[in-house]
């Protein structure tokens, strides 16, 4: 018998599991971060860190904002969102009807400045209204807690098989929280992270993709919730490759999903062909609605996924758009120290040669030839001063 839920968050938090091939399964979410928001808010209430009626505030580029607003609706809290310029009218209307107050950044083509402005605005709000609680989805490990429930679902649905989880790195909580919990169940689990070019998280800040609108999978500032030593393999993709994956997923499987899902789908297909004995679980974070104009309306421009493959590298100095892949081998990586890394926790014989700083001149020279829409070299970590964006 189908359950009757007491709140919409119970109905939508769990994904639909869809088999895409013999060894690829998609976990398709309406809004992935409901797990994170529910787990975090519930834990903070249980600890007494926040009280009913208090206002929770955070910065968001989209799906976390909606998840937090729904969690606040469920638990009797107020919600204030400092929203990215990428939050569209549909999302904003939902937030406002749910009772959230919304500060939205002015229109901008520069997502690095958008992110910097959002963090500054949160800090001003905290100074003006000290009773607010900053959720700090980028830094507070409380956001890992909700994904234990997701891990239990995966463990039941895909028992006794070696797993490779493929998903956007983003804030680190979803892929990291899932894999940490699965490994805690003694499962054989590899974690494959997907990043855009231009993100500081795994050392691609020396590049800038002018078409990139994959706001949720990379960052221009360090995220404390990203535990680099959880990751076995990294893939970096440009916008056009993520678009190819998203359009291909809709065309081949009738699944309408966002760009981060498209990127993970493309990567999983390539990895699954190389590792037929492992089941690859693709994390599908959200639907494709907010990408309709920029991606799906341009479907005739999409590259054929069957013709695409990554440039395999052994060190960050060799990063090459539009698609690079590297064995990370669960190394640590200190973003704030320019990428200083410790020894790998596994497979020391195949440890990658990590490099700090921006892309070398040889990589810059290849940019114009690497993709139809050339990436350009940025002046620094997406131009955002680290100290402006770290935790209070």
Protein backbone atom coordinates (compact mmCIF):
# COMPACT_ATOMS: atom_id res chain seq x y z
CA UNK A 1 0.00 0.00 0.00
CA UNK A 2 1.33 3.43 -0.93
CA UNK A 3 2.00 5.62 2.11
CA UNK A 4 0.02 8.77 2.84
CA UNK A 5 2.52 11.47 3.79
CA UNK A 6 2.04 14.20 6.37
CA UNK A 7 4.20 16.73 4.50
CA UNK A 8 5.32 17.19 0.89
CA UNK A 9 8.99 16.85 1.90
CA UNK A 10 8.35 13.19 2.80
CA UNK A 11 6.82 12.62 -0.63
CA UNK A 12 9.62 14.16 -2.71
CA UNK A 13 12.81 13.64 -0.71
CA UNK A 14 13.50 10.13 -2.04
CA UNK A 15 14.52 9.67 -5.68
CA UNK A 16 13.04 7.47 -8.35
CA UNK A 17 15.56 4.79 -9.37
CA UNK A 18 15.72 4.15 -13.11
CA UNK A 19 17.94 1.60 -14.85
CA UNK A 20 19.57 3.26 -17.87
CA UNK A 21 21.68 0.23 -18.88
CA UNK A 22 22.91 -3.05 -17.45
CA UNK A 23 25.32 -1.26 -15.10
CA UNK A 24 24.02 2.33 -14.91
CA UNK A 25 21.18 3.39 -12.57
CA UNK A 26 19.86 6.95 -12.26
CA UNK A 27 18.68 8.31 -8.91
CA UNK A 28 16.33 10.98 -10.22
CA UNK A 29 15.34 13.66 -7.72
CA UNK A 30 12.83 16.43 -8.00
CA UNK A 31 14.96 18.37 -5.50
CA UNK A 32 18.01 16.52 -4.17
CA UNK A 33 18.73 18.86 -1.28
CA UNK A 34 15.53 18.10 0.59
CA UNK A 35 17.54 15.35 2.30
CA UNK A 36 20.22 17.87 3.32
CA UNK A 37 17.81 20.58 4.48
CA UNK A 38 15.53 18.23 6.44
CA UNK A 39 18.43 16.46 8.11
CA UNK A 40 20.17 19.72 8.99
CA UNK A 41 17.09 21.52 10.36
CA UNK A 42 15.92 18.50 12.33
CA UNK A 43 19.38 18.04 13.88
CA UNK A 44 19.70 21.74 14.77
CA UNK A 45 16.29 21.65 16.47
CA UNK A 46 17.18 18.50 18.39
CA UNK A 47 20.44 20.06 19.57
CA UNK A 48 18.67 23.25 20.63
CA UNK A 49 20.85 25.29 18.26
CA UNK A 50 17.71 26.81 16.73
CA UNK A 51 14.20 27.25 18.11
CA UNK A 52 10.78 27.19 16.47
CA UNK A 53 9.94 30.64 15.14
CA UNK A 54 13.58 31.55 14.49
CA UNK A 55 14.74 32.70 11.05
CA UNK A 56 17.18 30.56 9.06
CA UNK A 57 19.19 32.30 6.37
CA UNK A 58 21.48 31.11 3.60
CA UNK A 59 22.77 31.86 0.13
CA UNK A 60 21.65 29.63 -2.72
CA UNK A 61 21.72 29.29 -6.49
CA UNK A 62 18.44 27.38 -6.53
CA UNK A 63 17.54 23.93 -5.24
CA UNK A 64 18.88 24.34 -1.71
CA UNK A 65 16.77 27.50 -1.35
CA UNK A 66 13.59 25.60 -2.15
CA UNK A 67 14.57 22.66 0.07
CA UNK A 68 15.32 24.96 3.03
CA UNK A 69 12.06 26.86 2.54
CA UNK A 70 10.13 23.58 2.60
CA UNK A 71 12.00 22.36 5.69
CA UNK A 72 11.20 25.65 7.46
CA UNK A 73 7.55 25.31 6.41
CA UNK A 74 7.49 21.83 7.93
CA UNK A 75 9.17 22.70 11.22
CA UNK A 76 7.63 26.12 11.97
CA UNK A 77 10.66 28.29 11.18
CA UNK A 78 11.10 31.44 9.14
CA UNK A 79 13.32 31.39 6.06
CA UNK A 80 15.36 34.11 4.37
CA UNK A 81 17.16 33.37 1.10
CA UNK A 82 19.89 35.45 -0.48
CA UNK A 83 19.33 34.22 -4.00
CA UNK A 84 21.66 33.98 -6.96
CA UNK A 85 20.86 35.84 -10.13
CA UNK A 86 20.25 32.35 -11.61
CA UNK A 87 17.11 31.85 -9.47
CA UNK A 88 14.27 32.24 -11.97
CA UNK A 89 10.76 33.66 -11.55
CA UNK A 90 9.22 30.21 -11.03
CA UNK A 91 11.58 29.38 -8.19
CA UNK A 92 11.22 32.82 -6.60
CA UNK A 93 7.42 32.58 -6.68
CA UNK A 94 7.53 29.21 -4.91
CA UNK A 95 9.85 30.59 -2.23
CA UNK A 96 7.63 33.60 -1.58
CA UNK A 97 4.41 31.59 -1.42
CA UNK A 98 6.10 29.24 1.06
CA UNK A 99 6.68 32.29 3.27
CA UNK A 100 10.38 32.83 2.59
CA UNK A 101 11.72 36.34 2.18
CA UNK A 102 14.05 36.66 -0.80
CA UNK A 103 16.98 38.95 -1.48
CA UNK A 104 18.05 38.40 -5.06
CA UNK A 105 21.27 39.58 -6.62
CA UNK A 106 20.86 41.91 -9.63
CA UNK A 107 21.19 40.38 -13.12
CA UNK A 108 24.78 39.45 -13.87
CA UNK A 109 26.67 37.36 -16.40
CA UNK A 110 29.46 36.92 -13.85
CA UNK A 111 28.59 34.18 -11.38
CA UNK A 112 31.78 34.78 -9.38
CA UNK A 113 30.67 38.31 -8.51
CA UNK A 114 27.16 37.01 -7.84
CA UNK A 115 28.51 34.54 -5.28
CA UNK A 116 30.72 37.15 -3.62
CA UNK A 117 27.78 39.55 -3.34
CA UNK A 118 25.53 36.92 -1.80
CA UNK A 119 27.98 36.10 0.97
CA UNK A 120 28.50 39.79 1.76
CA UNK A 121 24.74 40.27 1.94
CA UNK A 122 24.37 37.36 4.40
CA UNK A 123 27.03 38.90 6.62
CA UNK A 124 25.26 42.26 6.60
CA UNK A 125 21.98 40.54 7.54
CA UNK A 126 23.62 38.76 10.47
CA UNK A 127 25.06 42.04 11.71
CA UNK A 128 21.66 43.75 11.45
CA UNK A 129 19.61 40.80 12.79
CA UNK A 130 21.79 38.70 15.12
CA UNK A 131 18.89 36.37 15.94
CA UNK A 132 19.13 34.81 12.49
CA UNK A 133 20.88 31.45 12.12
CA UNK A 134 23.17 31.10 9.10
CA UNK A 135 22.78 27.57 7.74
CA UNK A 136 26.16 27.64 5.97
CA UNK A 137 25.35 24.83 3.56
CA UNK A 138 28.88 25.15 2.15
CA UNK A 139 30.63 24.60 5.47
CA UNK A 140 28.45 23.06 8.20
CA UNK A 141 28.78 19.25 8.36
CA UNK A 142 25.23 19.03 9.71
CA UNK A 143 24.18 18.86 6.04
CA UNK A 144 25.71 15.38 5.78
CA UNK A 145 23.23 13.87 8.23
CA UNK A 146 20.20 13.68 5.92
CA UNK A 147 22.00 11.57 3.35
CA UNK A 148 22.20 8.58 5.70
CA UNK A 149 18.58 7.94 4.79
CA UNK A 150 19.46 8.05 1.08
CA UNK A 151 22.32 5.60 1.71
CA UNK A 152 19.90 3.17 3.38
CA UNK A 153 17.61 3.37 0.34
CA UNK A 154 20.50 2.68 -2.06
CA UNK A 155 21.77 -0.17 0.10
CA UNK A 156 18.35 -1.85 -0.08
CA UNK A 157 17.79 -1.22 -3.79
CA UNK A 158 21.28 -2.21 -5.01
CA UNK A 159 22.54 -4.83 -2.56
CA UNK A 160 25.69 -6.91 -2.87
CA UNK A 161 27.16 -5.18 -5.94
CA UNK A 162 30.27 -3.02 -6.21
CA UNK A 163 29.08 0.56 -6.62
CA UNK A 164 30.50 3.63 -8.31
CA UNK A 165 28.62 6.81 -7.33
CA UNK A 166 28.78 9.47 -10.04
CA UNK A 167 27.69 12.99 -9.15
CA UNK A 168 28.46 16.67 -9.13
CA UNK A 169 30.80 17.69 -6.32
CA UNK A 170 28.94 20.93 -5.53
CA UNK A 171 28.96 21.69 -1.82
CA UNK A 172 30.24 18.18 -1.11
CA UNK A 173 27.35 17.14 1.11
CA UNK A 174 25.30 15.00 -1.28
CA UNK A 175 27.95 12.81 -2.88
CA UNK A 176 30.14 12.89 0.22
CA UNK A 177 27.29 12.19 2.64
CA UNK A 178 25.99 9.30 0.55
CA UNK A 179 29.35 7.62 0.04
CA UNK A 180 30.52 8.13 3.61
CA UNK A 181 27.36 6.41 4.87
CA UNK A 182 27.60 3.56 2.33
CA UNK A 183 31.23 2.89 3.16
CA UNK A 184 30.19 2.84 6.80
CA UNK A 185 28.00 -0.13 5.85
CA UNK A 186 31.11 -1.95 4.54
CA UNK A 187 30.08 -1.52 0.91
CA UNK A 188 32.61 -1.50 -1.93
CA UNK A 189 31.97 2.06 -3.11
CA UNK A 190 33.97 4.32 -5.40
CA UNK A 191 33.16 8.03 -5.69
CA UNK A 192 33.50 9.82 -9.01
CA UNK A 193 33.14 13.60 -8.81
CA UNK A 194 32.12 15.93 -11.64
CA UNK A 195 33.39 19.51 -11.83
CA UNK A 196 33.13 22.41 -14.27
CA UNK A 197 36.19 24.23 -15.53
CA UNK A 198 36.67 27.36 -13.42
CA UNK A 199 36.05 25.83 -9.99
CA UNK A 200 38.58 26.13 -7.17
CA UNK A 201 37.36 22.94 -5.51
CA UNK A 202 39.59 20.60 -7.50
CA UNK A 203 42.06 23.00 -9.03
CA UNK A 204 40.51 24.17 -12.30
CA UNK A 205 40.21 27.85 -11.29
CA UNK A 206 42.65 28.84 -14.03
CA UNK A 207 39.91 28.39 -16.62
CA UNK A 208 36.65 30.16 -17.35
CA UNK A 209 33.81 28.77 -19.43
CA UNK A 210 31.80 31.72 -20.83
CA UNK A 211 28.67 29.60 -21.33
CA UNK A 212 28.77 27.86 -17.95
CA UNK A 213 25.53 28.12 -15.98
CA UNK A 214 26.14 24.95 -13.96
CA UNK A 215 25.83 26.93 -10.77
CA UNK A 216 25.52 23.98 -8.42
CA UNK A 217 28.50 21.77 -9.29
CA UNK A 218 31.57 23.97 -8.77
CA UNK A 219 32.62 26.99 -6.76
CA UNK A 220 34.72 30.12 -6.79
CA UNK A 221 35.33 29.82 -3.01
CA UNK A 222 36.51 26.97 -0.76
CA UNK A 223 33.80 24.73 0.69
CA UNK A 224 34.59 23.02 4.00
CA UNK A 225 31.96 20.35 3.29
CA UNK A 226 34.02 19.00 0.39
CA UNK A 227 36.20 16.19 1.76
CA UNK A 228 38.63 15.61 -1.08
CA UNK A 229 39.86 12.33 0.35
CA UNK A 230 36.47 10.70 -0.31
CA UNK A 231 36.93 10.93 -4.10
CA UNK A 232 38.49 8.23 -6.28
CA UNK A 233 38.19 9.87 -9.71
CA UNK A 234 37.50 13.40 -11.01
CA UNK A 235 36.04 14.54 -14.33
CA UNK A 236 36.01 18.18 -15.48
CA UNK A 237 33.52 19.10 -18.23
CA UNK A 238 32.60 22.27 -20.09
CA UNK A 239 29.06 23.52 -20.68
CA UNK A 240 28.67 21.93 -24.11
CA UNK A 241 29.53 18.47 -22.81
CA UNK A 242 27.11 18.81 -19.89
CA UNK A 243 24.48 19.96 -22.39
CA UNK A 244 25.17 16.90 -24.56
CA UNK A 245 24.61 14.65 -21.57
CA UNK A 246 21.38 16.37 -20.52
CA UNK A 247 19.87 16.39 -24.02
CA UNK A 248 21.03 12.80 -24.56
CA UNK A 249 19.37 11.69 -21.31
CA UNK A 250 16.04 13.19 -22.43
CA UNK A 251 16.35 11.84 -25.97
CA UNK A 252 17.39 8.31 -25.00
CA UNK A 253 15.48 7.78 -21.74
CA UNK A 254 12.75 10.48 -21.65
CA UNK A 255 14.28 11.90 -18.44
CA UNK A 256 14.12 15.71 -18.17
CA UNK A 257 16.92 16.65 -15.81
CA UNK A 258 19.33 19.50 -15.15
CA UNK A 259 22.86 20.16 -16.34
CA UNK A 260 24.64 18.55 -13.40
CA UNK A 261 22.67 15.36 -14.08
CA UNK A 262 23.55 15.60 -17.77
CA UNK A 263 27.25 15.91 -16.95
CA UNK A 264 27.10 12.93 -14.57
CA UNK A 265 25.16 10.89 -17.14
CA UNK A 266 27.78 11.51 -19.83
CA UNK A 267 30.61 10.60 -17.46
CA UNK A 268 28.86 7.49 -16.13
CA UNK A 269 28.32 6.17 -19.64
CA UNK A 270 32.02 6.42 -20.41
CA UNK A 271 33.08 4.94 -17.07
CA UNK A 272 30.54 2.11 -17.21
CA UNK A 273 31.92 0.92 -20.54
CA UNK A 274 35.37 0.67 -18.94
CA UNK A 275 34.12 -0.99 -15.72
CA UNK A 276 31.31 -3.41 -16.71
CA UNK A 277 31.55 -5.26 -13.39
CA UNK A 278 30.53 -2.24 -11.31
CA UNK A 279 27.08 -0.65 -10.99
CA UNK A 280 27.25 3.08 -11.63
CA UNK A 281 24.75 5.19 -9.67
CA UNK A 282 24.15 8.60 -11.27
CA UNK A 283 22.95 11.36 -8.93
CA UNK A 284 20.23 13.35 -10.72
CA UNK A 285 19.92 16.45 -8.56
CA UNK A 286 16.93 18.22 -10.12
CA UNK A 287 14.63 18.53 -13.10
CA UNK A 288 15.49 20.40 -16.28
CA UNK A 289 12.96 23.21 -16.00
CA UNK A 290 15.35 26.03 -15.10
CA UNK A 291 17.55 25.07 -18.06
CA UNK A 292 14.81 25.08 -20.69
CA UNK A 293 15.88 28.20 -22.59
CA UNK A 294 19.65 27.87 -22.30
CA UNK A 295 19.87 24.10 -22.91
CA UNK A 296 16.81 22.23 -24.12
CA UNK A 297 15.52 24.87 -26.53
CA UNK A 298 18.93 24.56 -28.21
CA UNK A 299 18.79 20.77 -28.46
CA UNK A 300 19.70 20.81 -32.16
CA UNK A 301 23.08 22.26 -31.19
CA UNK A 302 23.85 19.45 -28.75
CA UNK A 303 26.92 17.33 -29.41
CA UNK A 304 26.46 13.59 -29.94
CA UNK A 305 27.47 11.90 -26.65
CA UNK A 306 28.66 8.82 -28.56
CA UNK A 307 31.47 10.84 -30.14
CA UNK A 308 32.79 12.32 -26.88
CA UNK A 309 35.55 11.08 -24.62
CA UNK A 310 37.80 12.65 -21.98
CA UNK A 311 41.45 13.60 -22.11
CA UNK A 312 42.99 11.37 -19.44
CA UNK A 313 45.53 13.17 -17.26
CA UNK A 314 47.81 12.33 -14.34
CA UNK A 315 48.14 15.81 -12.82
CA UNK A 316 46.28 19.11 -12.59
CA UNK A 317 48.96 20.82 -14.66
CA UNK A 318 47.63 18.82 -17.62
CA UNK A 319 43.97 19.86 -17.30
CA UNK A 320 42.60 20.31 -20.80
CA UNK A 321 39.11 21.48 -21.81
CA UNK A 322 36.57 20.48 -22.85
CA UNK A 323 36.74 17.20 -20.84
CA UNK A 324 39.50 15.85 -18.62
CA UNK A 325 39.56 12.82 -16.33
CA UNK A 326 42.01 11.94 -13.57
CA UNK A 327 42.43 9.28 -10.91
CA UNK A 328 42.31 11.21 -7.63
CA UNK A 329 42.97 8.22 -5.34
CA UNK A 330 41.37 9.77 -2.24
CA UNK A 331 44.00 12.44 -1.73
CA UNK A 332 43.58 15.42 0.54
CA UNK A 333 43.73 18.86 -1.09
CA UNK A 334 43.99 22.20 0.66
CA UNK A 335 42.16 24.74 -1.50
CA UNK A 336 43.09 27.66 0.77
CA UNK A 337 46.79 26.88 0.46
CA UNK A 338 46.72 26.76 -3.30
CA UNK A 339 46.23 23.02 -3.57
CA UNK A 340 48.83 21.62 -1.18
CA UNK A 341 48.08 17.92 -0.90
CA UNK A 342 49.02 15.07 1.36
CA UNK A 343 49.76 11.48 0.39
CA UNK A 344 46.91 9.41 -1.07
CA UNK A 345 44.97 7.16 1.26
CA UNK A 346 44.88 4.39 -1.35
CA UNK A 347 46.60 3.25 -4.53
CA UNK A 348 49.89 5.06 -3.83
CA UNK A 349 51.49 3.61 -6.91
CA UNK A 350 49.15 5.56 -9.15
CA UNK A 351 49.06 8.82 -7.23
CA UNK A 352 48.40 11.87 -9.39
CA UNK A 353 50.88 14.69 -9.60
CA UNK A 354 49.00 17.60 -8.11
CA UNK A 355 49.95 21.14 -8.97
CA UNK A 356 49.04 24.41 -7.31
CA UNK A 357 48.17 27.67 -9.00
CA UNK A 358 46.45 28.28 -12.32
CA UNK A 359 46.74 26.39 -15.58
CA UNK A 360 50.16 26.42 -17.25
CA UNK A 361 50.95 28.25 -20.45
CA UNK A 362 50.72 25.00 -22.43
CA UNK A 363 47.12 24.55 -21.28
CA UNK A 364 46.27 28.15 -22.13
CA UNK A 365 47.56 27.68 -25.64
CA UNK A 366 45.26 24.71 -26.17
CA UNK A 367 42.08 26.44 -25.04
CA UNK A 368 41.08 27.96 -28.34
CA UNK A 369 41.34 24.60 -30.12
CA UNK A 370 39.76 22.46 -27.43
CA UNK A 371 36.09 23.33 -27.88
CA UNK A 372 33.70 25.02 -30.29
CA UNK A 373 33.04 27.66 -27.62
CA UNK A 374 36.58 28.40 -26.39
CA UNK A 375 37.25 28.64 -22.71
CA UNK A 376 39.41 31.49 -21.56
CA UNK A 377 42.05 31.73 -18.88
CA UNK A 378 40.97 33.61 -15.76
CA UNK A 379 43.14 35.94 -13.72
CA UNK A 380 42.72 33.97 -10.50
CA UNK A 381 40.23 31.85 -8.54
CA UNK A 382 37.32 33.22 -10.57
CA UNK A 383 38.21 36.67 -9.28
CA UNK A 384 36.69 36.17 -5.83
CA UNK A 385 38.83 37.09 -2.81
CA UNK A 386 38.86 34.03 -0.54
CA UNK A 387 38.73 36.01 2.70
CA UNK A 388 35.51 37.71 1.70
CA UNK A 389 33.74 34.39 1.44
CA UNK A 390 34.85 32.22 4.31
CA UNK A 391 32.90 31.40 7.39
CA UNK A 392 32.34 34.06 10.06
